């Protein structure tokens, strides 16, 4: 959720072929989650090549057969700043919405729609 909001506010796209899982604390620490094997298999089926996981989930990967994780790049993180550095493109998307025009109902994609 924080990655999506940061992407929207900074107009930096999330990199393609990327998946992430974990929970974050109010201070930005990335916590481990369960069901990592199933999440990895689903990600691979959907063409994901890079996965971001909590550093505390690293031991879960060692229990998965090599065939299942071949071709995947794992990035283990401790905090959300590391996630944002891995997940977001470095440059802003110049073709993204101009939020000032959007909020004032003047953007061509939203003219005629009420923005409250």
N, C-alpha and C. Protein backbone atom coordinates (compact mmCIF):
# COMPACT_ATOMS: atom_id res chain seq x y z
N UNK A 1 0.82 -1.18 0.00
CA UNK A 1 0.00 0.00 0.00
C UNK A 1 0.88 1.27 0.00
N UNK A 2 1.90 1.25 0.84
CA UNK A 2 2.79 2.41 0.89
C UNK A 2 3.51 2.60 -0.44
N UNK A 3 3.89 1.53 -1.09
CA UNK A 3 4.56 1.63 -2.39
C UNK A 3 3.63 2.26 -3.42
N UNK A 4 2.38 1.84 -3.43
CA UNK A 4 1.40 2.39 -4.37
C UNK A 4 1.17 3.88 -4.11
N UNK A 5 1.03 4.26 -2.86
CA UNK A 5 0.81 5.67 -2.52
C UNK A 5 2.03 6.51 -2.88
N UNK A 6 3.22 6.01 -2.58
CA UNK A 6 4.44 6.74 -2.91
C UNK A 6 4.57 6.89 -4.42
N UNK A 7 4.23 5.85 -5.16
CA UNK A 7 4.26 5.92 -6.62
C UNK A 7 3.32 7.01 -7.13
N UNK A 8 2.12 7.05 -6.58
CA UNK A 8 1.14 8.05 -7.02
C UNK A 8 1.59 9.47 -6.69
N UNK A 9 2.09 9.67 -5.49
CA UNK A 9 2.47 11.02 -5.06
C UNK A 9 3.74 11.52 -5.75
N UNK A 10 4.66 10.63 -6.05
CA UNK A 10 5.92 11.05 -6.66
C UNK A 10 5.91 10.91 -8.18
N UNK A 11 4.87 10.30 -8.72
CA UNK A 11 4.73 10.03 -10.15
C UNK A 11 5.90 9.19 -10.68
N UNK A 12 6.37 8.26 -9.83
CA UNK A 12 7.39 7.29 -10.23
C UNK A 12 6.70 5.94 -10.33
N UNK A 13 6.83 5.31 -11.48
CA UNK A 13 6.18 4.03 -11.70
C UNK A 13 6.83 2.91 -10.89
N UNK A 14 6.00 1.92 -10.53
CA UNK A 14 6.52 0.70 -9.92
C UNK A 14 7.10 -0.15 -11.04
N UNK A 15 8.27 -0.71 -10.82
CA UNK A 15 8.92 -1.53 -11.84
C UNK A 15 8.05 -2.72 -12.21
N UNK A 16 8.10 -3.10 -13.48
CA UNK A 16 7.34 -4.25 -13.95
C UNK A 16 7.96 -5.56 -13.50
N UNK A 17 7.18 -6.62 -13.55
CA UNK A 17 7.65 -7.97 -13.20
C UNK A 17 8.15 -8.06 -11.77
N UNK A 18 7.55 -7.29 -10.88
CA UNK A 18 7.97 -7.22 -9.49
C UNK A 18 6.80 -7.59 -8.59
N UNK A 19 7.09 -8.37 -7.56
CA UNK A 19 6.09 -8.70 -6.55
C UNK A 19 6.71 -8.51 -5.19
N UNK A 20 5.87 -8.24 -4.20
CA UNK A 20 6.38 -8.05 -2.84
C UNK A 20 5.33 -8.53 -1.86
N UNK A 21 5.80 -8.95 -0.71
CA UNK A 21 4.89 -9.34 0.35
C UNK A 21 5.55 -9.03 1.68
N UNK A 22 4.72 -8.76 2.65
CA UNK A 22 5.20 -8.42 3.97
C UNK A 22 4.25 -7.43 4.61
N UNK A 23 4.42 -7.23 5.86
CA UNK A 23 3.64 -6.22 6.58
C UNK A 23 4.62 -5.17 7.08
N UNK A 24 4.11 -3.94 7.26
CA UNK A 24 4.99 -2.89 7.75
C UNK A 24 4.46 -2.33 9.06
N UNK A 25 5.39 -1.92 9.88
CA UNK A 25 5.03 -1.26 11.14
C UNK A 25 4.82 0.22 10.86
N UNK A 26 4.31 0.94 11.84
CA UNK A 26 4.12 2.38 11.68
C UNK A 26 5.45 3.12 11.52
N UNK A 27 6.53 2.49 11.92
CA UNK A 27 7.86 3.09 11.78
C UNK A 27 8.58 2.61 10.52
N UNK A 28 7.90 1.81 9.69
CA UNK A 28 8.47 1.42 8.41
C UNK A 28 9.26 0.14 8.38
N UNK A 29 9.27 -0.61 9.46
CA UNK A 29 9.98 -1.90 9.48
C UNK A 29 9.14 -2.93 8.73
N UNK A 30 9.77 -3.74 7.89
CA UNK A 30 9.08 -4.78 7.13
C UNK A 30 9.09 -6.07 7.94
N UNK A 31 7.90 -6.59 8.21
CA UNK A 31 7.75 -7.80 9.02
C UNK A 31 7.52 -9.02 8.12
N UNK A 32 7.89 -10.20 8.58
CA UNK A 32 7.69 -11.41 7.77
C UNK A 32 6.22 -11.81 7.71
N UNK A 33 5.91 -12.64 6.71
CA UNK A 33 4.56 -13.17 6.53
C UNK A 33 4.65 -14.68 6.32
N UNK A 34 3.53 -15.34 6.39
CA UNK A 34 3.45 -16.77 6.13
C UNK A 34 3.04 -17.05 4.69
N UNK A 35 3.05 -18.32 4.33
CA UNK A 35 2.61 -18.74 3.00
C UNK A 35 3.52 -18.29 1.88
N UNK A 36 4.79 -18.14 2.17
CA UNK A 36 5.75 -17.60 1.18
C UNK A 36 5.87 -18.53 -0.03
N UNK A 37 5.92 -19.83 0.18
CA UNK A 37 6.07 -20.77 -0.94
C UNK A 37 4.92 -20.60 -1.93
N UNK A 38 3.71 -20.55 -1.45
CA UNK A 38 2.55 -20.41 -2.32
C UNK A 38 2.56 -19.07 -3.06
N UNK A 39 2.98 -18.03 -2.37
CA UNK A 39 3.05 -16.71 -2.99
C UNK A 39 4.11 -16.68 -4.09
N UNK A 40 5.23 -17.35 -3.84
CA UNK A 40 6.30 -17.40 -4.85
C UNK A 40 5.84 -18.17 -6.08
N UNK A 41 5.18 -19.28 -5.87
CA UNK A 41 4.69 -20.07 -7.00
C UNK A 41 3.68 -19.29 -7.82
N UNK A 42 2.78 -18.57 -7.17
CA UNK A 42 1.79 -17.76 -7.88
C UNK A 42 2.48 -16.63 -8.66
N UNK A 43 3.47 -16.01 -8.05
CA UNK A 43 4.19 -14.94 -8.72
C UNK A 43 4.91 -15.46 -9.97
N UNK A 44 5.54 -16.60 -9.84
CA UNK A 44 6.27 -17.17 -10.98
C UNK A 44 5.31 -17.54 -12.12
N UNK A 45 4.16 -18.09 -11.77
CA UNK A 45 3.15 -18.42 -12.79
C UNK A 45 2.69 -17.18 -13.55
N UNK A 46 2.78 -16.02 -12.92
CA UNK A 46 2.31 -14.78 -13.53
C UNK A 46 3.44 -13.94 -14.12
N UNK A 47 4.60 -14.53 -14.31
CA UNK A 47 5.70 -13.86 -15.01
C UNK A 47 6.54 -12.92 -14.18
N UNK A 48 6.42 -12.99 -12.88
CA UNK A 48 7.24 -12.15 -12.00
C UNK A 48 8.67 -12.66 -12.01
N UNK A 49 9.63 -11.74 -12.04
CA UNK A 49 11.04 -12.14 -12.01
C UNK A 49 11.74 -11.68 -10.74
N UNK A 50 11.23 -10.64 -10.10
CA UNK A 50 11.85 -10.10 -8.89
C UNK A 50 10.85 -10.08 -7.75
N UNK A 51 11.30 -10.55 -6.59
CA UNK A 51 10.44 -10.58 -5.41
C UNK A 51 11.12 -9.86 -4.26
N UNK A 52 10.33 -9.07 -3.55
CA UNK A 52 10.82 -8.38 -2.36
C UNK A 52 10.16 -9.03 -1.15
N UNK A 53 11.01 -9.48 -0.22
CA UNK A 53 10.54 -10.15 0.99
C UNK A 53 11.25 -9.57 2.21
N UNK A 54 10.65 -9.78 3.36
CA UNK A 54 11.30 -9.41 4.61
C UNK A 54 12.56 -10.25 4.78
N UNK A 55 13.58 -9.65 5.34
CA UNK A 55 14.80 -10.38 5.62
C UNK A 55 14.51 -11.58 6.54
N UNK A 56 13.47 -11.47 7.36
CA UNK A 56 13.10 -12.56 8.26
C UNK A 56 12.43 -13.73 7.54
N UNK A 57 12.08 -13.56 6.26
CA UNK A 57 11.52 -14.66 5.47
C UNK A 57 12.59 -15.39 4.65
N UNK A 58 13.83 -14.96 4.75
CA UNK A 58 14.90 -15.57 3.95
C UNK A 58 15.02 -17.07 4.22
N UNK A 59 14.85 -17.48 5.46
CA UNK A 59 14.97 -18.90 5.78
C UNK A 59 13.88 -19.74 5.11
N UNK A 60 12.73 -19.15 4.78
CA UNK A 60 11.65 -19.88 4.11
C UNK A 60 12.04 -20.31 2.69
N UNK A 61 12.89 -19.54 2.05
CA UNK A 61 13.29 -19.83 0.66
C UNK A 61 14.17 -21.06 0.61
N UNK A 62 14.95 -21.29 1.64
CA UNK A 62 15.86 -22.44 1.66
C UNK A 62 15.11 -23.77 1.67
N UNK A 63 13.84 -23.75 2.07
CA UNK A 63 13.03 -24.97 2.12
C UNK A 63 12.31 -25.28 0.81
N UNK A 64 12.47 -24.41 -0.20
CA UNK A 64 11.76 -24.58 -1.48
C UNK A 64 12.69 -25.21 -2.50
N UNK A 65 12.16 -26.16 -3.28
CA UNK A 65 12.97 -26.82 -4.31
C UNK A 65 13.54 -25.79 -5.29
N UNK A 66 14.76 -26.05 -5.72
CA UNK A 66 15.46 -25.15 -6.65
C UNK A 66 14.66 -24.94 -7.94
N UNK A 67 13.97 -25.99 -8.42
CA UNK A 67 13.18 -25.87 -9.66
C UNK A 67 12.12 -24.77 -9.55
N UNK A 68 11.54 -24.62 -8.38
CA UNK A 68 10.47 -23.66 -8.18
C UNK A 68 10.97 -22.22 -8.16
N UNK A 69 12.21 -22.02 -7.73
CA UNK A 69 12.70 -20.65 -7.58
C UNK A 69 13.74 -20.25 -8.63
N UNK A 70 14.04 -21.17 -9.55
CA UNK A 70 15.01 -20.81 -10.59
C UNK A 70 14.44 -19.69 -11.46
N UNK A 71 15.30 -18.75 -11.81
CA UNK A 71 14.88 -17.61 -12.62
C UNK A 71 14.30 -16.46 -11.82
N UNK A 72 14.23 -16.61 -10.51
CA UNK A 72 13.70 -15.55 -9.67
C UNK A 72 14.83 -14.85 -8.92
N UNK A 73 14.70 -13.54 -8.78
CA UNK A 73 15.67 -12.75 -8.02
C UNK A 73 14.99 -12.32 -6.72
N UNK A 74 15.60 -12.66 -5.61
CA UNK A 74 15.04 -12.32 -4.30
C UNK A 74 15.78 -11.14 -3.71
N UNK A 75 15.01 -10.20 -3.19
CA UNK A 75 15.57 -9.03 -2.51
C UNK A 75 15.01 -9.03 -1.10
N UNK A 76 15.88 -9.09 -0.12
CA UNK A 76 15.46 -9.15 1.28
C UNK A 76 15.66 -7.78 1.92
N UNK A 77 14.61 -7.27 2.54
CA UNK A 77 14.65 -5.91 3.07
C UNK A 77 14.28 -5.89 4.55
N UNK A 78 14.71 -4.82 5.19
CA UNK A 78 14.38 -4.61 6.60
C UNK A 78 13.40 -3.46 6.79
N UNK A 79 13.40 -2.49 5.85
CA UNK A 79 12.55 -1.32 6.03
C UNK A 79 11.98 -0.83 4.70
N UNK A 80 11.00 0.06 4.79
CA UNK A 80 10.30 0.52 3.60
C UNK A 80 11.15 1.38 2.68
N UNK A 81 12.15 2.05 3.20
CA UNK A 81 13.03 2.81 2.31
C UNK A 81 13.75 1.88 1.34
N UNK A 82 14.14 0.71 1.81
CA UNK A 82 14.77 -0.27 0.93
C UNK A 82 13.76 -0.76 -0.12
N UNK A 83 12.52 -0.97 0.29
CA UNK A 83 11.47 -1.40 -0.64
C UNK A 83 11.29 -0.35 -1.73
N UNK A 84 11.14 0.90 -1.33
CA UNK A 84 10.90 1.97 -2.30
C UNK A 84 12.08 2.12 -3.27
N UNK A 85 13.30 1.97 -2.77
CA UNK A 85 14.47 2.06 -3.65
C UNK A 85 14.50 0.92 -4.66
N UNK A 86 14.03 -0.25 -4.28
CA UNK A 86 13.99 -1.40 -5.19
C UNK A 86 12.79 -1.34 -6.13
N UNK A 87 11.66 -0.88 -5.64
CA UNK A 87 10.40 -1.03 -6.37
C UNK A 87 10.10 0.09 -7.36
N UNK A 88 10.55 1.30 -7.07
CA UNK A 88 10.16 2.43 -7.91
C UNK A 88 11.24 2.79 -8.93
N UNK A 89 10.76 3.18 -10.12
CA UNK A 89 11.68 3.69 -11.13
C UNK A 89 12.34 4.96 -10.59
N UNK A 90 13.52 5.27 -11.07
CA UNK A 90 14.25 6.44 -10.57
C UNK A 90 13.66 7.75 -11.09
N UNK A 91 13.16 7.74 -12.31
CA UNK A 91 12.66 8.96 -12.94
C UNK A 91 11.14 9.05 -12.81
N UNK A 92 10.65 10.29 -12.77
CA UNK A 92 9.21 10.51 -12.78
C UNK A 92 8.66 10.20 -14.16
N UNK A 93 7.40 9.78 -14.20
CA UNK A 93 6.72 9.51 -15.46
C UNK A 93 6.13 10.82 -15.97
N UNK A 94 6.71 11.35 -17.02
CA UNK A 94 6.26 12.64 -17.56
C UNK A 94 4.86 12.56 -18.16
N UNK A 95 4.41 11.35 -18.51
CA UNK A 95 3.08 11.19 -19.10
C UNK A 95 2.01 10.93 -18.06
N UNK A 96 2.39 10.91 -16.79
CA UNK A 96 1.44 10.64 -15.73
C UNK A 96 0.50 11.84 -15.56
N UNK A 97 -0.56 11.63 -14.80
CA UNK A 97 -1.53 12.69 -14.57
C UNK A 97 -0.88 13.91 -13.93
N UNK A 98 -1.31 15.07 -14.36
CA UNK A 98 -0.94 16.31 -13.68
C UNK A 98 -1.95 16.46 -12.55
N UNK A 99 -1.52 16.21 -11.33
CA UNK A 99 -2.46 16.14 -10.21
C UNK A 99 -3.15 17.45 -9.91
N UNK A 100 -2.49 18.57 -10.18
CA UNK A 100 -3.16 19.85 -9.96
C UNK A 100 -4.35 20.00 -10.90
N UNK A 101 -4.16 19.66 -12.17
CA UNK A 101 -5.27 19.71 -13.12
C UNK A 101 -6.34 18.69 -12.77
N UNK A 102 -5.89 17.52 -12.31
CA UNK A 102 -6.84 16.48 -11.91
C UNK A 102 -7.71 16.95 -10.75
N UNK A 103 -7.09 17.52 -9.75
CA UNK A 103 -7.84 17.97 -8.58
C UNK A 103 -8.77 19.12 -8.90
N UNK A 104 -8.43 19.92 -9.90
CA UNK A 104 -9.28 21.04 -10.30
C UNK A 104 -10.24 20.68 -11.42
N UNK A 105 -10.33 19.38 -11.74
CA UNK A 105 -11.25 18.88 -12.77
C UNK A 105 -10.95 19.49 -14.14
N UNK A 106 -9.67 19.72 -14.45
CA UNK A 106 -9.28 20.29 -15.73
C UNK A 106 -8.43 19.35 -16.56
N UNK A 107 -8.13 18.18 -16.05
CA UNK A 107 -7.33 17.22 -16.80
C UNK A 107 -8.20 16.58 -17.87
N UNK A 108 -7.70 16.39 -19.11
CA UNK A 108 -8.53 15.85 -20.19
C UNK A 108 -9.14 14.49 -19.88
N UNK A 109 -8.50 13.70 -19.02
CA UNK A 109 -9.03 12.37 -18.72
C UNK A 109 -10.17 12.42 -17.72
N UNK A 110 -10.34 13.54 -17.03
CA UNK A 110 -11.38 13.60 -16.00
C UNK A 110 -12.38 14.73 -16.19
N UNK A 111 -12.26 15.49 -17.28
CA UNK A 111 -13.21 16.59 -17.52
C UNK A 111 -14.62 16.01 -17.56
N UNK A 112 -15.50 16.63 -16.84
CA UNK A 112 -16.89 16.17 -16.79
C UNK A 112 -17.19 15.29 -15.59
N UNK A 113 -16.16 14.84 -14.90
CA UNK A 113 -16.35 14.03 -13.70
C UNK A 113 -16.11 14.92 -12.49
N UNK A 114 -16.93 14.77 -11.49
CA UNK A 114 -16.78 15.56 -10.27
C UNK A 114 -15.70 14.93 -9.40
N UNK A 115 -14.74 15.71 -9.01
CA UNK A 115 -13.71 15.27 -8.09
C UNK A 115 -13.98 15.96 -6.77
N UNK A 116 -14.22 15.18 -5.74
CA UNK A 116 -14.57 15.77 -4.45
C UNK A 116 -13.41 15.76 -3.51
